[in-house]
């Protein structure tokens, strides 16, 4: 693309899309306790809400093929309409059955996957390669704003319930109706916008064949690293409330939830600061330094275990984690031609599927600490963070720089 191309409108559009993705993702997770009470279902059944959201990421690679066939703009339009239709289907579903709600949420999640797989590489491509990590970090700051806002909207909805099924159903209908309208309008507006296309530049090997996506080892390692990163991002919150409830005196569940609302705020602050830092320092070095700081914070948590002060090293994880998705994504697609990057983006986003496995594994280890006389020790889950950080350091300093040259070159 020409260097004179104005990227203001495309970047603003993608930033809003990432805000929308963040709000809808976090709001869906807040629905878990509502669904459990509203439909009188078990804990495992209510967790199907999260399964419907994360399960859709299994289709990230097909979405990458979709981008290759129809382009970024049409994929964004499709994703917006999927989100809008899914949210609108929630309106009748909430008064019928939990199964219908799960289907509606899965359709919404399909839209979110299309938006995420297409928006990330599009932002990276809109401008100079030297500042690509900075651009994506700034765009993802909007995602963090949404992540901070969604819990407040969710807590208002949950707090306004009175036990009447019709009344409670109408409470959750309103935000879904608004999000449905936003999704549909967004799709229409993207249709009307002139977004610059990212042109393919295919790389061939000596035999004249186009190089496969699997011939970029740093991309495949990036997929694994995104998966490991998800353990770092989701792990702290998954066990935070239970840890505080069982280990910290003077803080109840409601207080723990309010404190943890600062976690996504830290992501926002970190991304705003990180956007500037990444313009001045090499992204892979910033990633490695952040991991070292993260390890120090986890060590501080264990030193302060049981004290109210132990809460803060966990919340502060958001500051160091904030830039990791964008930097890992950028490193994974470095030196990958645009034609391969479309599928590569889908491969990287598929790493989100690791989340369920990590949470299951961490949960099993926590459960193993329970005895007849004492509850589980939820703090042991945080030992996993040391291993996660160690892998990301390896990727930052070594894995992201591995290249395979063609024979004879």
Foldseek 3Di string as FASTA:
>chain_A
DDQPDDCPVVLVLLLVLLLLLLQLLLLLVLCLVVCCQLQVDDSVLSCLSVCLQLVLLLCLLVLLVVCLVPNLLVLLLVLLLLLLQLLVQCLVVLVPDPVSNSVSSNSNSNSSSSSQLSSQVLQLPRHDVLLSLLSSLLSNLSSLVSNLVNVVLSCVLVVPDDSDSVVSSVSVSVVSNVSSVVSNVSSVVSVVDDDDTADFDFDAFPVRHTDALVQFQLLLLLLQLLLLLLCLLVVLVVLQLVQCCAQEPPAHSVNSVVLLSLLSVLLSVLSVVVSVVSSPDPLLVLLLVLLVVLVVLLVVLVVQTSYPVSSVSSSNNSNSSNSVVSSSLSLSCPPPTPSSSSSSSSSNSSSSSSNVVLVVVLVVVQCVQDDPVGHGNSSVSSVSSNVSSVSSNCSSVPSSPDHDDHPPD
